[in-house]
């Protein structure tokens, strides 16, 4: 897939679905799009359901005292790495 990403629009679209940066919000109409390939989060037709789901999510995050909502979410960026996988070539042990 990586080698063929620029082959045509179809391959480029599949590459974006697999490796591209995810949008901030995703919403799929599973009845119309069971494979969940078309993100309708920005479609005005789905604005009401998107807002309802966003409110439900925010309420749940507050109930569970998620630090990203109540303050302190920066802690997620400072946890030490304990994995044994390869690190990015730009990694320096002295950086935080």
PDB file of N, CA and C in Angstrom:
ATOM      1  N   UNK A   1       0.820  -1.184   0.000  1.00  0.00           N
ATOM      2  CA  UNK A   1       0.000   0.000   0.000  1.00  0.00           C
ATOM      3  C   UNK A   1       0.866   1.251   0.000  1.00  0.00           C
ATOM      4  N   UNK A   2       1.923   1.246   0.776  1.00  0.00           N
ATOM      5  CA  UNK A   2       2.796   2.419   0.846  1.00  0.00           C
ATOM      6  C   UNK A   2       3.424   2.710  -0.509  1.00  0.00           C
ATOM      7  N   UNK A   3       3.856   1.678  -1.196  1.00  0.00           N
ATOM      8  CA  UNK A   3       4.499   1.872  -2.497  1.00  0.00           C
ATOM      9  C   UNK A   3       3.523   2.346  -3.568  1.00  0.00           C
ATOM     10  N   UNK A   4       2.242   2.066  -3.402  1.00  0.00           N
ATOM     11  CA  UNK A   4       1.239   2.419  -4.410  1.00  0.00           C
ATOM     12  C   UNK A   4       0.374   3.609  -4.023  1.00  0.00           C
ATOM     13  N   UNK A   5       0.728   4.308  -2.950  1.00  0.00           N
ATOM     14  CA  UNK A   5      -0.155   5.367  -2.464  1.00  0.00           C
ATOM     15  C   UNK A   5      -0.415   6.462  -3.494  1.00  0.00           C
ATOM     16  N   UNK A   6       0.514   6.735  -4.369  1.00  0.00           N
ATOM     17  CA  UNK A   6       0.326   7.782  -5.373  1.00  0.00           C
ATOM     18  C   UNK A   6      -0.074   7.224  -6.744  1.00  0.00           C
ATOM     19  N   UNK A   7      -0.442   5.975  -6.783  1.00  0.00           N
ATOM     20  CA  UNK A   7      -0.812   5.329  -8.048  1.00  0.00           C
ATOM     21  C   UNK A   7      -2.050   5.982  -8.677  1.00  0.00           C
ATOM     22  N   UNK A   8      -3.066   6.240  -7.846  1.00  0.00           N
ATOM     23  CA  UNK A   8      -4.284   6.881  -8.325  1.00  0.00           C
ATOM     24  C   UNK A   8      -5.085   7.363  -7.110  1.00  0.00           C
ATOM     25  N   UNK A   9      -6.228   8.004  -7.367  1.00  0.00           N
ATOM     26  CA  UNK A   9      -7.045   8.543  -6.272  1.00  0.00           C
ATOM     27  C   UNK A   9      -7.534   7.456  -5.319  1.00  0.00           C
ATOM     28  N   UNK A  10      -7.896   6.308  -5.856  1.00  0.00           N
ATOM     29  CA  UNK A  10      -8.384   5.208  -5.017  1.00  0.00           C
ATOM     30  C   UNK A  10      -7.307   4.758  -4.023  1.00  0.00           C
ATOM     31  N   UNK A  11      -6.087   4.539  -4.504  1.00  0.00           N
ATOM     32  CA  UNK A  11      -4.997   4.109  -3.624  1.00  0.00           C
ATOM     33  C   UNK A  11      -4.634   5.210  -2.623  1.00  0.00           C
ATOM     34  N   UNK A  12      -4.665   6.456  -3.071  1.00  0.00           N
ATOM     35  CA  UNK A  12      -4.352   7.580  -2.175  1.00  0.00           C
ATOM     36  C   UNK A  12      -5.394   7.645  -1.046  1.00  0.00           C
ATOM     37  N   UNK A  13      -6.667   7.434  -1.390  1.00  0.00           N
ATOM     38  CA  UNK A  13      -7.742   7.438  -0.396  1.00  0.00           C
ATOM     39  C   UNK A  13      -7.540   6.302   0.619  1.00  0.00           C
ATOM     40  N   UNK A  14      -7.220   5.122   0.141  1.00  0.00           N
ATOM     41  CA  UNK A  14      -6.982   3.990   1.048  1.00  0.00           C
ATOM     42  C   UNK A  14      -5.785   4.241   1.945  1.00  0.00           C
ATOM     43  N   UNK A  15      -4.743   4.859   1.401  1.00  0.00           N
ATOM     44  CA  UNK A  15      -3.564   5.171   2.213  1.00  0.00           C
ATOM     45  C   UNK A  15      -3.944   6.159   3.317  1.00  0.00           C
ATOM     46  N   UNK A  16      -4.726   7.184   2.971  1.00  0.00           N
ATOM     47  CA  UNK A  16      -5.157   8.161   3.979  1.00  0.00           C
ATOM     48  C   UNK A  16      -5.985   7.497   5.076  1.00  0.00           C
ATOM     49  N   UNK A  17      -6.867   6.586   4.702  1.00  0.00           N
ATOM     50  CA  UNK A  17      -7.671   5.883   5.696  1.00  0.00           C
ATOM     51  C   UNK A  17      -6.798   5.055   6.639  1.00  0.00           C
ATOM     52  N   UNK A  18      -5.737   4.480   6.108  1.00  0.00           N
ATOM     53  CA  UNK A  18      -4.879   3.601   6.905  1.00  0.00           C
ATOM     54  C   UNK A  18      -3.822   4.346   7.702  1.00  0.00           C
ATOM     55  N   UNK A  19      -3.188   5.346   7.085  1.00  0.00           N
ATOM     56  CA  UNK A  19      -2.017   5.968   7.699  1.00  0.00           C
ATOM     57  C   UNK A  19      -2.138   7.472   7.930  1.00  0.00           C
ATOM     58  N   UNK A  20      -3.150   8.098   7.362  1.00  0.00           N
ATOM     59  CA  UNK A  20      -3.285   9.548   7.463  1.00  0.00           C
ATOM     60  C   UNK A  20      -3.628  10.007   8.872  1.00  0.00           C
ATOM     61  N   UNK A  21      -3.417  11.280   9.118  1.00  0.00           N
ATOM     62  CA  UNK A  21      -3.752  11.858  10.416  1.00  0.00           C
ATOM     63  C   UNK A  21      -5.265  11.845  10.582  1.00  0.00           C
ATOM     64  N   UNK A  22      -5.725  11.395  11.730  1.00  0.00           N
ATOM     65  CA  UNK A  22      -7.150  11.303  11.999  1.00  0.00           C
ATOM     66  C   UNK A  22      -7.717  12.691  12.292  1.00  0.00           C
ATOM     67  N   UNK A  23      -8.942  12.953  11.869  1.00  0.00           N
ATOM     68  CA  UNK A  23      -9.577  14.225  12.201  1.00  0.00           C
ATOM     69  C   UNK A  23      -9.933  14.279  13.684  1.00  0.00           C
ATOM     70  N   UNK A  24     -10.189  15.467  14.180  1.00  0.00           N
ATOM     71  CA  UNK A  24     -10.538  15.628  15.594  1.00  0.00           C
ATOM     72  C   UNK A  24     -11.818  14.877  15.941  1.00  0.00           C
ATOM     73  N   UNK A  25     -12.769  14.856  15.032  1.00  0.00           N
ATOM     74  CA  UNK A  25     -14.025  14.154  15.270  1.00  0.00           C
ATOM     75  C   UNK A  25     -14.329  13.239  14.093  1.00  0.00           C
ATOM     76  N   UNK A  26     -14.840  12.075  14.420  1.00  0.00           N
ATOM     77  CA  UNK A  26     -15.268  11.133  13.394  1.00  0.00           C
ATOM     78  C   UNK A  26     -16.672  10.652  13.732  1.00  0.00           C
ATOM     79  N   UNK A  27     -17.514  10.562  12.719  1.00  0.00           N
ATOM     80  CA  UNK A  27     -18.881  10.077  12.876  1.00  0.00           C
ATOM     81  C   UNK A  27     -19.243   9.340  11.594  1.00  0.00           C
ATOM     82  N   UNK A  28     -19.789   8.160  11.751  1.00  0.00           N
ATOM     83  CA  UNK A  28     -20.122   7.342  10.590  1.00  0.00           C
ATOM     84  C   UNK A  28     -21.580   6.905  10.663  1.00  0.00           C
ATOM     85  N   UNK A  29     -22.242   6.898   9.533  1.00  0.00           N
ATOM     86  CA  UNK A  29     -23.607   6.401   9.419  1.00  0.00           C
ATOM     87  C   UNK A  29     -23.496   4.917   9.063  1.00  0.00           C
ATOM     88  N   UNK A  30     -23.596   4.078  10.065  1.00  0.00           N
ATOM     89  CA  UNK A  30     -23.353   2.640   9.870  1.00  0.00           C
ATOM     90  C   UNK A  30     -24.409   1.961   9.012  1.00  0.00           C
ATOM     91  N   UNK A  31     -25.591   2.545   8.906  1.00  0.00           N
ATOM     92  CA  UNK A  31     -26.614   1.961   8.026  1.00  0.00           C
ATOM     93  C   UNK A  31     -26.286   2.240   6.563  1.00  0.00           C
ATOM     94  N   UNK A  32     -25.870   3.457   6.267  1.00  0.00           N
ATOM     95  CA  UNK A  32     -25.542   3.825   4.887  1.00  0.00           C
ATOM     96  C   UNK A  32     -24.124   3.422   4.511  1.00  0.00           C
ATOM     97  N   UNK A  33     -23.261   3.338   5.496  1.00  0.00           N
ATOM     98  CA  UNK A  33     -21.831   3.102   5.262  1.00  0.00           C
ATOM     99  C   UNK A  33     -21.309   2.069   6.261  1.00  0.00           C
ATOM    100  N   UNK A  34     -21.699   0.788   6.114  1.00  0.00           N
ATOM    101  CA  UNK A  34     -21.320  -0.230   7.099  1.00  0.00           C
ATOM    102  C   UNK A  34     -19.813  -0.443   7.241  1.00  0.00           C
ATOM    103  N   UNK A  35     -19.056  -0.084   6.228  1.00  0.00           N
ATOM    104  CA  UNK A  35     -17.595  -0.229   6.324  1.00  0.00           C
ATOM    105  C   UNK A  35     -16.943   0.994   6.964  1.00  0.00           C
ATOM    106  N   UNK A  36     -17.748   2.002   7.285  1.00  0.00           N
ATOM    107  CA  UNK A  36     -17.292   3.212   7.968  1.00  0.00           C
ATOM    108  C   UNK A  36     -16.114   3.858   7.251  1.00  0.00           C
ATOM    109  N   UNK A  37     -16.341   4.175   5.994  1.00  0.00           N
ATOM    110  CA  UNK A  37     -15.309   4.807   5.183  1.00  0.00           C
ATOM    111  C   UNK A  37     -15.558   6.290   4.959  1.00  0.00           C
ATOM    112  N   UNK A  38     -16.808   6.748   5.164  1.00  0.00           N
ATOM    113  CA  UNK A  38     -17.152   8.146   4.903  1.00  0.00           C
ATOM    114  C   UNK A  38     -17.458   8.845   6.227  1.00  0.00           C
ATOM    115  N   UNK A  39     -16.566   9.719   6.649  1.00  0.00           N
ATOM    116  CA  UNK A  39     -16.738  10.468   7.887  1.00  0.00           C
ATOM    117  C   UNK A  39     -17.753  11.584   7.643  1.00  0.00           C
ATOM    118  N   UNK A  40     -18.875  11.551   8.371  1.00  0.00           N
ATOM    119  CA  UNK A  40     -19.928  12.547   8.184  1.00  0.00           C
ATOM    120  C   UNK A  40     -19.949  13.591   9.302  1.00  0.00           C
ATOM    121  N   UNK A  41     -18.902  13.671  10.090  1.00  0.00           N
ATOM    122  CA  UNK A  41     -18.874  14.597  11.224  1.00  0.00           C
ATOM    123  C   UNK A  41     -19.058  16.049  10.811  1.00  0.00           C
ATOM    124  N   UNK A  42     -18.603  16.429   9.647  1.00  0.00           N
ATOM    125  CA  UNK A  42     -18.735  17.813   9.182  1.00  0.00           C
ATOM    126  C   UNK A  42     -19.976  18.037   8.328  1.00  0.00           C
ATOM    127  N   UNK A  43     -20.755  16.996   8.072  1.00  0.00           N
ATOM    128  CA  UNK A  43     -21.950  17.098   7.245  1.00  0.00           C
ATOM    129  C   UNK A  43     -23.073  17.746   8.060  1.00  0.00           C
ATOM    130  N   UNK A  44     -23.639  18.869   7.598  1.00  0.00           N
ATOM    131  CA  UNK A  44     -24.704  19.546   8.346  1.00  0.00           C
ATOM    132  C   UNK A  44     -25.907  18.645   8.645  1.00  0.00           C
ATOM    133  N   UNK A  45     -26.134  17.652   7.812  1.00  0.00           N
ATOM    134  CA  UNK A  45     -27.245  16.718   8.032  1.00  0.00           C
ATOM    135  C   UNK A  45     -27.091  15.955   9.350  1.00  0.00           C
ATOM    136  N   UNK A  46     -25.853  15.807   9.818  1.00  0.00           N
ATOM    137  CA  UNK A  46     -25.576  15.042  11.033  1.00  0.00           C
ATOM    138  C   UNK A  46     -25.208  15.929  12.216  1.00  0.00           C
ATOM    139  N   UNK A  47     -25.370  17.245  12.092  1.00  0.00           N
ATOM    140  CA  UNK A  47     -24.950  18.176  13.143  1.00  0.00           C
ATOM    141  C   UNK A  47     -25.650  17.908  14.474  1.00  0.00           C
ATOM    142  N   UNK A  48     -26.943  17.643  14.431  1.00  0.00           N
ATOM    143  CA  UNK A  48     -27.693  17.430  15.673  1.00  0.00           C
ATOM    144  C   UNK A  48     -27.195  16.191  16.421  1.00  0.00           C
ATOM    145  N   UNK A  49     -27.019  15.095  15.729  1.00  0.00           N
ATOM    146  CA  UNK A  49     -26.539  13.875  16.395  1.00  0.00           C
ATOM    147  C   UNK A  49     -25.097  14.038  16.859  1.00  0.00           C
ATOM    148  N   UNK A  50     -24.274  14.746  16.074  1.00  0.00           N
ATOM    149  CA  UNK A  50     -22.882  14.977  16.478  1.00  0.00           C
ATOM    150  C   UNK A  50     -22.838  15.779  17.773  1.00  0.00           C
ATOM    151  N   UNK A  51     -23.660  16.830  17.869  1.00  0.00           N
ATOM    152  CA  UNK A  51     -23.699  17.650  19.086  1.00  0.00           C
ATOM    153  C   UNK A  51     -24.211  16.845  20.278  1.00  0.00           C
ATOM    154  N   UNK A  52     -25.211  16.011  20.058  1.00  0.00           N
ATOM    155  CA  UNK A  52     -25.748  15.169  21.137  1.00  0.00           C
ATOM    156  C   UNK A  52     -24.688  14.196  21.643  1.00  0.00           C
ATOM    157  N   UNK A  53     -23.989  13.555  20.729  1.00  0.00           N
ATOM    158  CA  UNK A  53     -22.940  12.606  21.129  1.00  0.00           C
ATOM    159  C   UNK A  53     -21.773  13.311  21.809  1.00  0.00           C
ATOM    160  N   UNK A  54     -21.420  14.505  21.337  1.00  0.00           N
ATOM    161  CA  UNK A  54     -20.332  15.269  21.963  1.00  0.00           C
ATOM    162  C   UNK A  54     -20.701  15.637  23.397  1.00  0.00           C
ATOM    163  N   UNK A  55     -21.958  16.017  23.631  1.00  0.00           N
ATOM    164  CA  UNK A  55     -22.412  16.354  24.980  1.00  0.00           C
ATOM    165  C   UNK A  55     -22.388  15.127  25.886  1.00  0.00           C
ATOM    166  N   UNK A  56     -22.801  13.968  25.357  1.00  0.00           N
ATOM    167  CA  UNK A  56     -22.766  12.728  26.141  1.00  0.00           C
ATOM    168  C   UNK A  56     -21.323  12.368  26.515  1.00  0.00           C
ATOM    169  N   UNK A  57     -20.422  12.514  25.562  1.00  0.00           N
ATOM    170  CA  UNK A  57     -19.022  12.203  25.825  1.00  0.00           C
ATOM    171  C   UNK A  57     -18.458  13.133  26.898  1.00  0.00           C
ATOM    172  N   UNK A  58     -18.715  14.441  26.766  1.00  0.00           N
ATOM    173  CA  UNK A  58     -18.190  15.393  27.738  1.00  0.00           C
ATOM    174  C   UNK A  58     -18.747  15.113  29.139  1.00  0.00           C
ATOM    175  N   UNK A  59     -20.027  14.767  29.225  1.00  0.00           N
ATOM    176  CA  UNK A  59     -20.628  14.438  30.517  1.00  0.00           C
ATOM    177  C   UNK A  59     -19.934  13.225  31.137  1.00  0.00           C
ATOM    178  N   UNK A  60     -19.676  12.206  30.341  1.00  0.00           N
ATOM    179  CA  UNK A  60     -19.013  11.001  30.843  1.00  0.00           C
ATOM    180  C   UNK A  60     -17.579  11.305  31.282  1.00  0.00           C
ATOM    181  N   UNK A  61     -16.870  12.130  30.520  1.00  0.00           N
ATOM    182  CA  UNK A  61     -15.499  12.492  30.886  1.00  0.00           C
ATOM    183  C   UNK A  61     -15.462  13.260  32.206  1.00  0.00           C
ATOM    184  N   UNK A  62     -16.465  14.097  32.441  1.00  0.00           N
ATOM    185  CA  UNK A  62     -16.538  14.829  33.713  1.00  0.00           C
ATOM    186  C   UNK A  62     -16.859  13.884  34.857  1.00  0.00           C
ATOM    187  N   UNK A  63     -17.803  12.957  34.641  1.00  0.00           N
ATOM    188  CA  UNK A  63     -18.167  11.986  35.682  1.00  0.00           C
ATOM    189  C   UNK A  63     -16.953  11.164  36.103  1.00  0.00           C
ATOM    190  N   UNK A  64     -16.148  10.762  35.142  1.00  0.00           N
ATOM    191  CA  UNK A  64     -14.980   9.929  35.431  1.00  0.00           C
ATOM    192  C   UNK A  64     -13.741  10.757  35.782  1.00  0.00           C
ATOM    193  N   UNK A  65     -13.932  12.083  35.859  1.00  0.00           N
ATOM    194  CA  UNK A  65     -12.850  13.007  36.214  1.00  0.00           C
ATOM    195  C   UNK A  65     -11.631  12.848  35.315  1.00  0.00           C
ATOM    196  N   UNK A  66     -11.904  12.771  34.033  1.00  0.00           N
ATOM    197  CA  UNK A  66     -10.816  12.664  33.063  1.00  0.00           C
ATOM    198  C   UNK A  66      -9.947  13.922  33.154  1.00  0.00           C
ATOM    199  N   UNK A  67      -8.639  13.771  33.380  1.00  0.00           N
ATOM    200  CA  UNK A  67      -7.765  14.936  33.556  1.00  0.00           C
ATOM    201  C   UNK A  67      -7.723  15.859  32.347  1.00  0.00           C
ATOM    202  N   UNK A  68      -8.016  15.356  31.169  1.00  0.00           N
ATOM    203  CA  UNK A  68      -8.006  16.215  29.984  1.00  0.00           C
ATOM    204  C   UNK A  68      -9.173  17.176  29.989  1.00  0.00           C
ATOM    205  N   UNK A  69     -10.191  16.916  30.840  1.00  0.00           N
ATOM    206  CA  UNK A  69     -11.370  17.775  30.924  1.00  0.00           C
ATOM    207  C   UNK A  69     -11.336  18.636  32.185  1.00  0.00           C
ATOM    208  N   UNK A  70     -10.948  18.040  33.307  1.00  0.00           N
ATOM    209  CA  UNK A  70     -10.988  18.788  34.575  1.00  0.00           C
ATOM    210  C   UNK A  70      -9.677  19.499  34.886  1.00  0.00           C
ATOM    211  N   UNK A  71      -8.668  19.293  34.045  1.00  0.00           N
ATOM    212  CA  UNK A  71      -7.369  19.932  34.257  1.00  0.00           C
ATOM    213  C   UNK A  71      -6.316  18.895  34.604  1.00  0.00           C
ATOM    214  N   UNK A  72      -5.133  19.068  34.086  1.00  0.00           N
ATOM    215  CA  UNK A  72      -4.047  18.145  34.367  1.00  0.00           C
ATOM    216  C   UNK A  72      -3.763  17.190  33.225  1.00  0.00           C
ATOM    217  N   UNK A  73      -4.352  17.394  32.082  1.00  0.00           N
ATOM    218  CA  UNK A  73      -4.147  16.509  30.952  1.00  0.00           C
ATOM    219  C   UNK A  73      -2.728  16.484  30.433  1.00  0.00           C
ATOM    220  N   UNK A  74      -1.933  17.488  30.821  1.00  0.00           N
ATOM    221  CA  UNK A  74      -0.537  17.518  30.379  1.00  0.00           C
ATOM    222  C   UNK A  74       0.259  16.324  30.890  1.00  0.00           C
ATOM    223  N   UNK A  75      -0.227  15.692  31.958  1.00  0.00           N
ATOM    224  CA  UNK A  75       0.490  14.542  32.516  1.00  0.00           C
ATOM    225  C   UNK A  75       0.615  13.407  31.509  1.00  0.00           C
ATOM    226  N   UNK A  76      -0.283  13.340  30.538  1.00  0.00           N
ATOM    227  CA  UNK A  76      -0.215  12.289  29.535  1.00  0.00           C
ATOM    228  C   UNK A  76       1.007  12.450  28.627  1.00  0.00           C
ATOM    229  N   UNK A  77       1.554  13.650  28.570  1.00  0.00           N
ATOM    230  CA  UNK A  77       2.721  13.902  27.726  1.00  0.00           C
ATOM    231  C   UNK A  77       4.039  13.675  28.451  1.00  0.00           C
ATOM    232  N   UNK A  78       3.988  13.375  29.755  1.00  0.00           N
ATOM    233  CA  UNK A  78       5.233  13.273  30.508  1.00  0.00           C
ATOM    234  C   UNK A  78       5.500  11.892  31.100  1.00  0.00           C
ATOM    235  N   UNK A  79       4.665  10.920  30.815  1.00  0.00           N
ATOM    236  CA  UNK A  79       4.899   9.584  31.348  1.00  0.00           C
ATOM    237  C   UNK A  79       6.143   8.974  30.699  1.00  0.00           C
ATOM    238  N   UNK A  80       6.949   8.269  31.480  1.00  0.00           N
ATOM    239  CA  UNK A  80       8.148   7.634  30.911  1.00  0.00           C
ATOM    240  C   UNK A  80       7.774   6.510  29.953  1.00  0.00           C
ATOM    241  N   UNK A  81       8.631   6.268  29.021  1.00  0.00           N
ATOM    242  CA  UNK A  81       8.435   5.208  28.032  1.00  0.00           C
ATOM    243  C   UNK A  81       9.084   3.932  28.551  1.00  0.00           C
ATOM    244  N   UNK A  82       8.295   2.874  28.694  1.00  0.00           N
ATOM    245  CA  UNK A  82       8.814   1.605  29.197  1.00  0.00           C
ATOM    246  C   UNK A  82       8.845   0.522  28.130  1.00  0.00           C
ATOM    247  N   UNK A  83       8.416   0.837  26.933  1.00  0.00           N
ATOM    248  CA  UNK A  83       8.387  -0.152  25.862  1.00  0.00           C
ATOM    249  C   UNK A  83       9.779  -0.485  25.371  1.00  0.00           C
ATOM    250  N   UNK A  84       9.881  -1.580  24.690  1.00  0.00           N
ATOM    251  CA  UNK A  84      11.184  -2.016  24.182  1.00  0.00           C
ATOM    252  C   UNK A  84      11.288  -1.820  22.675  1.00  0.00           C
ATOM    253  N   UNK A  85      10.256  -1.209  22.081  1.00  0.00           N
ATOM    254  CA  UNK A  85      10.258  -1.006  20.639  1.00  0.00           C
ATOM    255  C   UNK A  85      11.260   0.063  20.232  1.00  0.00           C
ATOM    256  N   UNK A  86      11.494   0.184  18.938  1.00  0.00           N
ATOM    257  CA  UNK A  86      12.437   1.193  18.449  1.00  0.00           C
ATOM    258  C   UNK A  86      11.895   2.596  18.685  1.00  0.00           C
ATOM    259  N   UNK A  87      12.788   3.516  18.892  1.00  0.00           N
ATOM    260  CA  UNK A  87      12.405   4.905  19.088  1.00  0.00           C
ATOM    261  C   UNK A  87      12.627   5.682  17.800  1.00  0.00           C
ATOM    262  N   UNK A  88      11.953   6.799  17.706  1.00  0.00           N
ATOM    263  CA  UNK A  88      12.110   7.671  16.545  1.00  0.00           C
ATOM    264  C   UNK A  88      13.557   8.144  16.479  1.00  0.00           C
ATOM    265  N   UNK A  89      14.132   8.261  15.269  1.00  0.00           N
ATOM    266  CA  UNK A  89      15.542   8.669  15.140  1.00  0.00           C
ATOM    267  C   UNK A  89      15.857  10.014  15.791  1.00  0.00           C
ATOM    268  N   UNK A  90      14.850  10.871  15.965  1.00  0.00           N
ATOM    269  CA  UNK A  90      15.105  12.179  16.565  1.00  0.00           C
ATOM    270  C   UNK A  90      15.099  12.145  18.098  1.00  0.00           C
ATOM    271  N   UNK A  91      14.778  10.977  18.697  1.00  0.00           N
ATOM    272  CA  UNK A  91      14.696  10.885  20.150  1.00  0.00           C
ATOM    273  C   UNK A  91      16.050  11.125  20.795  1.00  0.00           C
ATOM    274  N   UNK A  92      16.032  11.950  21.857  1.00  0.00           N
ATOM    275  CA  UNK A  92      17.224  12.166  22.678  1.00  0.00           C
ATOM    276  C   UNK A  92      16.847  11.846  24.125  1.00  0.00           C
ATOM    277  N   UNK A  93      17.608  11.024  24.821  1.00  0.00           N
ATOM    278  CA  UNK A  93      17.254  10.642  26.187  1.00  0.00           C
ATOM    279  C   UNK A  93      17.112  11.820  27.147  1.00  0.00           C
ATOM    280  N   UNK A  94      17.781  12.936  26.857  1.00  0.00           N
ATOM    281  CA  UNK A  94      17.726  14.083  27.770  1.00  0.00           C
ATOM    282  C   UNK A  94      16.493  14.965  27.556  1.00  0.00           C
ATOM    283  N   UNK A  95      15.704  14.689  26.516  1.00  0.00           N
ATOM    284  CA  UNK A  95      14.517  15.530  26.278  1.00  0.00           C
ATOM    285  C   UNK A  95      13.339  15.024  27.075  1.00  0.00           C
ATOM    286  N   UNK A  96      12.452  15.916  27.419  1.00  0.00           N
ATOM    287  CA  UNK A  96      11.252  15.521  28.186  1.00  0.00           C
ATOM    288  C   UNK A  96      10.063  15.461  27.302  1.00  0.00           C
TER     289      UNK A  96
END
